[in-house]
Amino acid sequence: MKDYASGEDLIAEIRKRAELFIAEFDDVVTLVTSLSREELFTSGQRAWASSTPSAWPVATWVHINTVAPFTSFRTRIRAWKRR
């Protein structure tokens, strides 16, 4: 954990990270809205999405890389609080 010299440094860091998050979020929204339903939900529509033997559709990759990490993160925080 980073040691902040003042509350102002912490607030500046939080604002910076919030701006980065919003930019990344907007990139994901742009990607998803640029794809048709077929491209998003049908397997084999993108070469990079077919890199696994199961050839997942793009929607599965979006879920794995955006939503799924936070579901396990919540569980870890709860376990940490119980200690």
Protein backbone atom coordinates (compact mmCIF):
# COMPACT_ATOMS: atom_id res chain seq x y z
CA MET A 1 0.00 0.00 0.00
CA LYS A 2 1.30 3.42 -0.90
CA ASP A 3 2.02 5.82 1.95
CA TYR A 4 0.49 9.22 1.21
CA ALA A 5 2.08 12.33 2.72
CA SER A 6 -1.25 14.11 2.96
CA GLY A 7 -4.94 13.69 2.35
CA GLU A 8 -4.58 15.90 -0.71
CA ASP A 9 -2.18 13.41 -2.30
CA LEU A 10 -4.65 10.62 -1.64
CA ILE A 11 -7.54 12.58 -3.14
CA ALA A 12 -5.45 13.44 -6.22
CA GLU A 13 -4.56 9.76 -6.68
CA ILE A 14 -8.21 8.70 -6.34
CA ARG A 15 -9.30 11.29 -8.90
CA LYS A 16 -6.58 10.16 -11.31
CA ARG A 17 -7.61 6.52 -10.97
CA ALA A 18 -11.28 7.42 -11.37
CA GLU A 19 -10.50 9.22 -14.62
CA LEU A 20 -8.53 6.20 -15.89
CA PHE A 21 -11.41 3.90 -14.94
CA ILE A 22 -13.94 6.06 -16.79
CA ALA A 23 -11.73 6.10 -19.90
CA GLU A 24 -11.34 2.31 -19.83
CA PHE A 25 -15.07 1.87 -19.21
CA ASP A 26 -15.86 4.09 -22.20
CA ASP A 27 -13.51 1.98 -24.35
CA VAL A 28 -15.36 -1.21 -23.39
CA VAL A 29 -18.74 0.40 -24.08
CA THR A 30 -17.49 1.59 -27.47
CA LEU A 31 -16.26 -1.91 -28.34
CA VAL A 32 -19.50 -3.60 -27.31
CA THR A 33 -21.76 -1.09 -29.07
CA SER A 34 -19.70 -1.34 -32.26
CA LEU A 35 -20.44 -5.07 -32.58
CA SER A 36 -23.63 -6.62 -33.89
CA ARG A 37 -25.55 -9.15 -31.78
CA GLU A 38 -24.13 -11.94 -33.95
CA GLU A 39 -20.54 -10.72 -33.53
CA LEU A 40 -21.04 -10.35 -29.78
CA PHE A 41 -22.82 -13.62 -28.94
CA THR A 42 -21.72 -16.12 -31.63
CA SER A 43 -18.51 -18.13 -31.29
CA GLY A 44 -15.77 -17.74 -33.87
CA GLN A 45 -16.58 -14.17 -34.88
CA ARG A 46 -13.17 -12.76 -33.88
CA ALA A 47 -9.80 -14.50 -34.18
CA TRP A 48 -8.65 -13.25 -30.76
CA ALA A 49 -11.85 -14.55 -29.14
CA SER A 50 -11.32 -17.99 -30.64
CA SER A 51 -7.89 -18.45 -29.06
CA THR A 52 -9.17 -21.00 -26.54
CA PRO A 53 -10.26 -24.54 -27.42
CA SER A 54 -13.82 -23.64 -26.42
CA ALA A 55 -13.82 -20.64 -28.83
CA TRP A 56 -15.85 -18.39 -26.57
CA PRO A 57 -17.92 -15.56 -28.04
CA VAL A 58 -16.76 -11.98 -27.50
CA ALA A 59 -19.45 -11.42 -24.82
CA THR A 60 -17.85 -14.11 -22.64
CA TRP A 61 -14.43 -12.46 -22.95
CA VAL A 62 -15.93 -9.09 -22.02
CA HIS A 63 -17.52 -10.66 -18.93
CA ILE A 64 -14.33 -12.47 -17.90
CA ASN A 65 -12.22 -9.34 -18.19
CA THR A 66 -14.64 -6.81 -16.70
CA VAL A 67 -17.21 -8.31 -14.31
CA ALA A 68 -15.70 -11.59 -13.13
CA PRO A 69 -12.63 -10.14 -11.35
CA PHE A 70 -14.88 -8.02 -9.14
CA THR A 71 -17.04 -10.94 -8.04
CA SER A 72 -14.01 -12.79 -6.68
CA PHE A 73 -12.61 -9.51 -5.32
CA ARG A 74 -15.68 -9.00 -3.11
CA THR A 75 -15.26 -12.49 -1.68
CA ARG A 76 -11.62 -11.80 -0.86
CA ILE A 77 -12.48 -8.53 0.88
CA ARG A 78 -15.12 -10.26 3.02
CA ALA A 79 -12.63 -12.97 3.99
CA TRP A 80 -10.01 -10.33 4.81
CA LYS A 81 -12.47 -8.43 7.04
CA ARG A 82 -13.26 -11.60 9.02
CA ARG A 83 -9.60 -12.10 9.97
